[in-house]
Amino acid sequence: MTVERQYGVVNFCCDGKRCAQVYETEHNNFMEALEELKEADWSVRNIKGEWLHVCPDCQEAENALAL
C-alpha cells in the first residue's frame, strides 16, 4: 500500500510491478480520495491484510498474463 500525503492532500502510488504511476487527488479526506481513485478505474484490493492500489494499465497487464 502506498498512500502519500502532500500538503494535506491524499495521493496513491500504484503497487504494480515496476510501475511509478501516481494518482493525485484534491482531497484531504482519505475516504473521499479513495472514492475518486475507484471512479478512475483503479483497483483496490486487500491481499493477506495488505491493501494494494493498482492502476488501470497494470490491471490490463495482469489480465493479459492470465489469458
C-alpha atoms as a PDB file:
ATOM      1  CA  MET A   1       0.000   0.000   0.000  1.00  0.00           C
ATOM      2  CA  THR A   2       1.419   3.279  -0.962  1.00  0.00           C
ATOM      3  CA  VAL A   3      -0.557   6.290   0.122  1.00  0.00           C
ATOM      4  CA  GLU A   4       1.107   9.659   0.419  1.00  0.00           C
ATOM      5  CA  ARG A   5       0.012  12.981   1.793  1.00  0.00           C
ATOM      6  CA  GLN A   6       1.461  16.073   0.207  1.00  0.00           C
ATOM      7  CA  TYR A   7       0.370  19.386   1.648  1.00  0.00           C
ATOM      8  CA  GLY A   8      -2.503  17.544   3.330  1.00  0.00           C
ATOM      9  CA  VAL A   9      -3.783  16.038   0.064  1.00  0.00           C
ATOM     10  CA  VAL A  10      -4.055  12.240  -0.365  1.00  0.00           C
ATOM     11  CA  ASN A  11      -2.206  10.654  -3.314  1.00  0.00           C
ATOM     12  CA  PHE A  12      -1.932   6.980  -4.278  1.00  0.00           C
ATOM     13  CA  CYS A  13       1.048   5.227  -5.873  1.00  0.00           C
ATOM     14  CA  CYS A  14       0.449   2.145  -7.996  1.00  0.00           C
ATOM     15  CA  ASP A  15       1.601  -1.071  -6.340  1.00  0.00           C
ATOM     16  CA  GLY A  16       2.033  -2.822  -9.702  1.00  0.00           C
ATOM     17  CA  LYS A  17       5.437  -4.258 -10.530  1.00  0.00           C
ATOM     18  CA  ARG A  18       7.841  -1.616 -11.847  1.00  0.00           C
ATOM     19  CA  CYS A  19       5.072   0.993 -12.085  1.00  0.00           C
ATOM     20  CA  ALA A  20       5.670   4.553 -10.986  1.00  0.00           C
ATOM     21  CA  GLN A  21       2.198   5.913 -11.721  1.00  0.00           C
ATOM     22  CA  VAL A  22       0.771   8.229  -9.066  1.00  0.00           C
ATOM     23  CA  TYR A  23      -2.874   9.237  -8.820  1.00  0.00           C
ATOM     24  CA  GLU A  24      -3.122  12.710  -7.320  1.00  0.00           C
ATOM     25  CA  THR A  25      -6.403  13.688  -5.707  1.00  0.00           C
ATOM     26  CA  GLU A  26      -7.597  17.055  -4.474  1.00  0.00           C
ATOM     27  CA  HIS A  27      -8.964  15.587  -1.244  1.00  0.00           C
ATOM     28  CA  ASN A  28      -7.573  15.748   2.258  1.00  0.00           C
ATOM     29  CA  ASN A  29     -10.214  13.247   3.417  1.00  0.00           C
ATOM     30  CA  PHE A  30      -8.978   9.683   2.835  1.00  0.00           C
ATOM     31  CA  MET A  31     -12.413   8.172   2.083  1.00  0.00           C
ATOM     32  CA  GLU A  32     -13.229  10.869  -0.495  1.00  0.00           C
ATOM     33  CA  ALA A  33      -9.819  10.346  -2.113  1.00  0.00           C
ATOM     34  CA  LEU A  34     -10.363   6.581  -2.177  1.00  0.00           C
ATOM     35  CA  GLU A  35     -13.761   7.001  -3.845  1.00  0.00           C
ATOM     36  CA  GLU A  36     -12.185   9.237  -6.511  1.00  0.00           C
ATOM     37  CA  LEU A  37      -9.464   6.622  -7.075  1.00  0.00           C
ATOM     38  CA  LYS A  38     -12.070   3.904  -7.650  1.00  0.00           C
ATOM     39  CA  GLU A  39     -14.024   6.160 -10.035  1.00  0.00           C
ATOM     40  CA  ALA A  40     -10.787   6.492 -12.051  1.00  0.00           C
ATOM     41  CA  ASP A  41     -10.842   2.681 -12.526  1.00  0.00           C
ATOM     42  CA  TRP A  42      -8.016   1.914 -10.129  1.00  0.00           C
ATOM     43  CA  SER A  43      -8.292  -1.422  -8.339  1.00  0.00           C
ATOM     44  CA  VAL A  44      -8.189  -1.540  -4.545  1.00  0.00           C
ATOM     45  CA  ARG A  45      -7.507  -4.995  -3.103  1.00  0.00           C
ATOM     46  CA  ASN A  46      -6.731  -6.487   0.276  1.00  0.00           C
ATOM     47  CA  ILE A  47      -4.233  -9.329  -0.141  1.00  0.00           C
ATOM     48  CA  LYS A  48      -3.357 -11.110   3.107  1.00  0.00           C
ATOM     49  CA  GLY A  49      -4.021  -7.970   5.141  1.00  0.00           C
ATOM     50  CA  GLU A  50      -2.114  -5.616   2.831  1.00  0.00           C
ATOM     51  CA  TRP A  51      -4.013  -3.029   0.803  1.00  0.00           C
ATOM     52  CA  LEU A  52      -2.871  -2.685  -2.813  1.00  0.00           C
ATOM     53  CA  HIS A  53      -3.751   0.080  -5.261  1.00  0.00           C
ATOM     54  CA  VAL A  54      -3.341  -0.888  -8.917  1.00  0.00           C
ATOM     55  CA  CYS A  55      -3.638   1.473 -11.890  1.00  0.00           C
ATOM     56  CA  PRO A  56      -5.684   0.568 -14.992  1.00  0.00           C
ATOM     57  CA  ASP A  57      -2.525  -0.086 -17.075  1.00  0.00           C
ATOM     58  CA  CYS A  58      -1.214  -2.653 -14.590  1.00  0.00           C
ATOM     59  CA  GLN A  59      -4.648  -4.256 -14.359  1.00  0.00           C
ATOM     60  CA  GLU A  60      -4.630  -4.745 -18.135  1.00  0.00           C
ATOM     61  CA  ALA A  61      -1.150  -6.280 -17.968  1.00  0.00           C
ATOM     62  CA  GLU A  62      -2.284  -8.671 -15.208  1.00  0.00           C
ATOM     63  CA  ASN A  63      -5.329  -9.681 -17.248  1.00  0.00           C
ATOM     64  CA  ALA A  64      -3.222 -10.293 -20.350  1.00  0.00           C
ATOM     65  CA  LEU A  65      -0.887 -12.564 -18.371  1.00  0.00           C
ATOM     66  CA  ALA A  66      -3.860 -14.557 -17.042  1.00  0.00           C
ATOM     67  CA  LEU A  67      -5.041 -15.480 -20.565  1.00  0.00           C
END
